[in-house]
Structures are given as C-alpha cells and as structure tokens.
Amino acid sequence: MLLMELLSLSDYLGEEVVDRDGVPVGTLRCYWESAPDVPEFCGIELKCHSVVRVVPVQFSRNDERHSCVRLNVSAQKVETAPGWDCSIELDGPLQQKVNAHFGLIRVASHSGLKHFAREPGKSRTGKDSLRKTTRKGRRG
C-alpha cells in the first residue's frame, strides 16, 4: 500500500474516487494530516449521498492516467465507514473507529489532525487554492 504524498493528494481534491474494482465510489473532498506533509485520512463524499466517509490514506493511491484516486478496498467498505465533517479536525476516538473499521489494529491516533480541502469552484492549481482549517469539535 502506498502512502500518498501531500502534493499528490492536494492535486486530487475534487476528483473521482474508485474502489479496488474500478467502481466509482465518490469524490475526494478533503484530507487530514498529522504534521506538515503527512496525510493520515481521506474524506470521500459518496456518489449517492452528500455524506463524507473517512478512509485511512494508506488504502489510497493516485491514478495519474485516469485522473482519479484508487482505493484498494471495496465500495461497500467505504460506504459503511464512519462519517465526518470535512471542516472539523479528527479526534482520537474517531481515528480509532476508522482504523478498526478498516482492520488496522494498534495504530496510534494523532491529536488535532489538520483539515485541507479545495475551495468550492476552484480549479486544480495546487496548494495555493487549498483551504486549511483548524476548528476543533464534533460532527453535527
């Protein structure tokens, strides 16, 4: 499993996400990082719903040829993953819940994961069009 680099991940915000069989799952809406340039989780907005599901970044890789993000898990696994608001930092209990959902046991959680998302209506131009939030709280 490949860990996506921050630059690659930011370049794919707003792009399609497909499962291990190439079935479209949704769109990469945001990601959370534990330290500068260390992404930990992806926020994927499902195709049929406006809910964002959280997926550990190690289950994703960019597909430059098809301009999408590929996951090495099933669409069903993503659809049943814990949901969260892209504008809120991920707390430790949710990180543990997400990791357990994907079968990652004994993974340390990080405090105050920072959120990154592309501003609505912006094109894929890189880090300059990214919005960083540090709001703490719980999902609504």
C-alpha atoms as a PDB file:
ATOM      1  CA  MET A   1       0.000   0.000   0.000  1.00  0.00           C
ATOM      2  CA  LEU A   2       1.326   3.362  -0.985  1.00  0.00           C
ATOM      3  CA  LEU A   3       1.091   6.440   1.193  1.00  0.00           C
ATOM      4  CA  MET A   4       0.080   9.383  -0.988  1.00  0.00           C
ATOM      5  CA  GLU A   5       2.285  12.431  -0.758  1.00  0.00           C
ATOM      6  CA  LEU A   6       0.668  15.717   0.250  1.00  0.00           C
ATOM      7  CA  LEU A   7       1.247  17.354  -3.130  1.00  0.00           C
ATOM      8  CA  SER A   8      -0.321  14.403  -4.923  1.00  0.00           C
ATOM      9  CA  LEU A   9      -3.247  14.321  -2.518  1.00  0.00           C
ATOM     10  CA  SER A  10      -3.941  18.040  -2.829  1.00  0.00           C
ATOM     11  CA  ASP A  11      -3.836  17.737  -6.616  1.00  0.00           C
ATOM     12  CA  TYR A  12      -6.667  15.201  -6.481  1.00  0.00           C
ATOM     13  CA  LEU A  13      -9.133  17.154  -4.334  1.00  0.00           C
ATOM     14  CA  GLY A  14     -12.440  17.226  -6.194  1.00  0.00           C
ATOM     15  CA  GLU A  15     -11.509  14.213  -8.326  1.00  0.00           C
ATOM     16  CA  GLU A  16     -13.320  10.898  -8.599  1.00  0.00           C
ATOM     17  CA  VAL A  17     -12.538   8.049  -6.200  1.00  0.00           C
ATOM     18  CA  VAL A  18     -12.915   4.445  -7.358  1.00  0.00           C
ATOM     19  CA  ASP A  19     -12.786   1.180  -5.415  1.00  0.00           C
ATOM     20  CA  ARG A  20     -10.437  -1.755  -5.979  1.00  0.00           C
ATOM     21  CA  ASP A  21     -12.595  -2.953  -8.896  1.00  0.00           C
ATOM     22  CA  GLY A  22     -12.725   0.462 -10.566  1.00  0.00           C
ATOM     23  CA  VAL A  23     -16.311   1.130  -9.436  1.00  0.00           C
ATOM     24  CA  PRO A  24     -16.887   4.854  -8.761  1.00  0.00           C
ATOM     25  CA  VAL A  25     -17.394   5.493  -5.037  1.00  0.00           C
ATOM     26  CA  GLY A  26     -17.438   9.277  -4.813  1.00  0.00           C
ATOM     27  CA  THR A  27     -15.200  12.340  -4.764  1.00  0.00           C
ATOM     28  CA  LEU A  28     -12.125  13.246  -2.719  1.00  0.00           C
ATOM     29  CA  ARG A  29     -13.423  16.233  -0.723  1.00  0.00           C
ATOM     30  CA  CYS A  30     -10.724  16.684   1.923  1.00  0.00           C
ATOM     31  CA  TYR A  31      -7.897  15.099   3.840  1.00  0.00           C
ATOM     32  CA  TRP A  32      -6.438  15.365   7.303  1.00  0.00           C
ATOM     33  CA  GLU A  33      -2.744  15.409   8.160  1.00  0.00           C
ATOM     34  CA  SER A  34      -0.935  14.812  11.443  1.00  0.00           C
ATOM     35  CA  ALA A  35       2.066  17.012  10.624  1.00  0.00           C
ATOM     36  CA  PRO A  36       3.029  19.113   7.615  1.00  0.00           C
ATOM     37  CA  ASP A  37       3.221  16.854   4.562  1.00  0.00           C
ATOM     38  CA  VAL A  38       1.990  13.755   6.472  1.00  0.00           C
ATOM     39  CA  PRO A  39      -1.582  12.951   5.355  1.00  0.00           C
ATOM     40  CA  GLU A  40      -3.383  10.389   7.510  1.00  0.00           C
ATOM     41  CA  PHE A  41      -7.020  10.205   6.324  1.00  0.00           C
ATOM     42  CA  CYS A  42      -9.027  10.984   3.175  1.00  0.00           C
ATOM     43  CA  GLY A  43     -12.556  12.407   3.232  1.00  0.00           C
ATOM     44  CA  ILE A  44     -14.607  10.846   0.443  1.00  0.00           C
ATOM     45  CA  GLU A  45     -18.021  12.248  -0.424  1.00  0.00           C
ATOM     46  CA  LEU A  46     -20.170   9.344  -1.596  1.00  0.00           C
ATOM     47  CA  LYS A  47     -21.733   9.490  -5.056  1.00  0.00           C
ATOM     48  CA  CYS A  48     -25.318   8.957  -3.959  1.00  0.00           C
ATOM     49  CA  HIS A  49     -25.171  10.904  -0.701  1.00  0.00           C
ATOM     50  CA  SER A  50     -23.721  14.181   0.477  1.00  0.00           C
ATOM     51  CA  VAL A  51     -22.010  12.466   3.400  1.00  0.00           C
ATOM     52  CA  VAL A  52     -18.222  12.274   3.739  1.00  0.00           C
ATOM     53  CA  ARG A  53     -16.722   8.926   4.757  1.00  0.00           C
ATOM     54  CA  VAL A  54     -13.261   8.742   6.317  1.00  0.00           C
ATOM     55  CA  VAL A  55     -10.663   6.332   4.893  1.00  0.00           C
ATOM     56  CA  PRO A  56      -7.066   5.830   6.088  1.00  0.00           C
ATOM     57  CA  VAL A  57      -4.754   7.256   3.447  1.00  0.00           C
ATOM     58  CA  GLN A  58      -2.697   4.062   3.207  1.00  0.00           C
ATOM     59  CA  PHE A  59      -5.622   2.450   1.348  1.00  0.00           C
ATOM     60  CA  SER A  60      -5.391   5.012  -1.460  1.00  0.00           C
ATOM     61  CA  ARG A  61      -3.151   5.823  -4.378  1.00  0.00           C
ATOM     62  CA  ASN A  62      -3.391   8.366  -7.131  1.00  0.00           C
ATOM     63  CA  ASP A  63      -4.037   7.225 -10.690  1.00  0.00           C
ATOM     64  CA  GLU A  64      -2.485   9.894 -12.858  1.00  0.00           C
ATOM     65  CA  ARG A  65      -3.501   8.193 -16.090  1.00  0.00           C
ATOM     66  CA  HIS A  66      -7.208   8.296 -15.209  1.00  0.00           C
ATOM     67  CA  SER A  67      -7.022  11.423 -13.035  1.00  0.00           C
ATOM     68  CA  CYS A  68      -8.661   9.738 -10.051  1.00  0.00           C
ATOM     69  CA  VAL A  69      -7.895   8.223  -6.659  1.00  0.00           C
ATOM     70  CA  ARG A  70      -7.939   4.418  -6.440  1.00  0.00           C
ATOM     71  CA  LEU A  71      -8.705   2.613  -3.205  1.00  0.00           C
ATOM     72  CA  ASN A  72      -7.671  -0.955  -2.510  1.00  0.00           C
ATOM     73  CA  VAL A  73     -10.903  -1.658  -0.610  1.00  0.00           C
ATOM     74  CA  SER A  74     -14.473  -2.310  -1.794  1.00  0.00           C
ATOM     75  CA  ALA A  75     -17.074   0.380  -2.335  1.00  0.00           C
ATOM     76  CA  GLN A  76     -19.176  -1.280   0.384  1.00  0.00           C
ATOM     77  CA  LYS A  77     -16.334  -0.897   2.902  1.00  0.00           C
ATOM     78  CA  VAL A  78     -16.127   2.838   2.131  1.00  0.00           C
ATOM     79  CA  GLU A  79     -19.912   3.279   2.230  1.00  0.00           C
ATOM     80  CA  THR A  80     -20.052   1.788   5.738  1.00  0.00           C
ATOM     81  CA  ALA A  81     -17.015   3.704   7.054  1.00  0.00           C
ATOM     82  CA  PRO A  82     -17.533   6.330   9.763  1.00  0.00           C
ATOM     83  CA  GLY A  83     -18.676   9.719   8.503  1.00  0.00           C
ATOM     84  CA  TRP A  84     -17.303  13.111   9.500  1.00  0.00           C
ATOM     85  CA  ASP A  85     -17.480  16.791   8.594  1.00  0.00           C
ATOM     86  CA  CYS A  86     -14.557  17.908   6.417  1.00  0.00           C
ATOM     87  CA  SER A  87     -14.290  21.207   8.283  1.00  0.00           C
ATOM     88  CA  ILE A  88     -13.606  19.600  11.660  1.00  0.00           C
ATOM     89  CA  GLU A  89     -10.383  18.071  12.937  1.00  0.00           C
ATOM     90  CA  LEU A  90     -10.474  14.321  13.512  1.00  0.00           C
ATOM     91  CA  ASP A  91     -10.332  13.359  17.166  1.00  0.00           C
ATOM     92  CA  GLY A  92      -8.603  10.271  18.589  1.00  0.00           C
ATOM     93  CA  PRO A  93     -11.756   8.187  19.175  1.00  0.00           C
ATOM     94  CA  LEU A  94     -12.943   8.666  15.582  1.00  0.00           C
ATOM     95  CA  GLN A  95      -9.484   7.827  14.214  1.00  0.00           C
ATOM     96  CA  GLN A  96      -9.538   4.591  16.218  1.00  0.00           C
ATOM     97  CA  LYS A  97     -13.045   3.802  14.954  1.00  0.00           C
ATOM     98  CA  VAL A  98     -11.979   4.371  11.325  1.00  0.00           C
ATOM     99  CA  ASN A  99      -8.821   2.288  11.746  1.00  0.00           C
ATOM    100  CA  ALA A 100     -10.800  -0.555  13.353  1.00  0.00           C
ATOM    101  CA  HIS A 101     -13.380  -0.426  10.536  1.00  0.00           C
ATOM    102  CA  PHE A 102     -10.580  -0.997   8.016  1.00  0.00           C
ATOM    103  CA  GLY A 103      -8.884  -3.685  10.116  1.00  0.00           C
ATOM    104  CA  LEU A 104      -5.955  -1.560  11.271  1.00  0.00           C
ATOM    105  CA  ILE A 105      -5.262  -2.605  14.821  1.00  0.00           C
ATOM    106  CA  ARG A 106      -2.682  -0.995  17.121  1.00  0.00           C
ATOM    107  CA  VAL A 107      -2.406   2.176  15.086  1.00  0.00           C
ATOM    108  CA  ALA A 108      -1.625   5.235  17.178  1.00  0.00           C
ATOM    109  CA  SER A 109      -4.086   8.097  16.865  1.00  0.00           C
ATOM    110  CA  HIS A 110      -2.931  11.669  16.379  1.00  0.00           C
ATOM    111  CA  SER A 111      -4.231  14.725  18.154  1.00  0.00           C
ATOM    112  CA  GLY A 112      -5.609  17.637  16.184  1.00  0.00           C
ATOM    113  CA  LEU A 113      -5.373  16.392  12.612  1.00  0.00           C
ATOM    114  CA  LYS A 114      -5.498  19.427  10.332  1.00  0.00           C
ATOM    115  CA  HIS A 115      -8.051  19.551   7.535  1.00  0.00           C
ATOM    116  CA  PHE A 116      -7.396  20.542   3.917  1.00  0.00           C
ATOM    117  CA  ALA A 117      -9.991  20.997   1.189  1.00  0.00           C
ATOM    118  CA  ARG A 118     -10.247  22.858  -2.099  1.00  0.00           C
ATOM    119  CA  GLU A 119     -12.358  25.987  -2.051  1.00  0.00           C
ATOM    120  CA  PRO A 120     -15.620  25.390  -3.946  1.00  0.00           C
ATOM    121  CA  GLY A 121     -15.330  26.392  -7.593  1.00  0.00           C
ATOM    122  CA  LYS A 122     -11.514  26.481  -7.653  1.00  0.00           C
ATOM    123  CA  SER A 123      -9.521  24.625 -10.281  1.00  0.00           C
ATOM    124  CA  ARG A 124      -6.770  22.107  -9.623  1.00  0.00           C
ATOM    125  CA  THR A 125      -3.863  24.528  -9.371  1.00  0.00           C
ATOM    126  CA  GLY A 126      -2.032  23.146  -6.361  1.00  0.00           C
ATOM    127  CA  LYS A 127      -1.511  24.186  -2.754  1.00  0.00           C
ATOM    128  CA  ASP A 128      -2.315  27.874  -3.306  1.00  0.00           C
ATOM    129  CA  SER A 129      -6.015  27.108  -3.707  1.00  0.00           C
ATOM    130  CA  LEU A 130      -6.231  24.919  -0.618  1.00  0.00           C
ATOM    131  CA  ARG A 131      -8.078  25.956   2.495  1.00  0.00           C
ATOM    132  CA  LYS A 132      -6.740  24.873   5.890  1.00  0.00           C
ATOM    133  CA  THR A 133      -8.959  24.838   8.927  1.00  0.00           C
ATOM    134  CA  THR A 134      -8.072  24.067  12.494  1.00  0.00           C
ATOM    135  CA  ARG A 135     -11.534  24.185  14.048  1.00  0.00           C
ATOM    136  CA  LYS A 136     -11.957  21.618  16.775  1.00  0.00           C
ATOM    137  CA  GLY A 137     -15.226  19.996  17.584  1.00  0.00           C
ATOM    138  CA  ARG A 138     -17.607  17.209  16.817  1.00  0.00           C
ATOM    139  CA  ARG A 139     -19.649  16.489  13.759  1.00  0.00           C
ATOM    140  CA  GLY A 140     -23.086  17.975  13.544  1.00  0.00           C
END
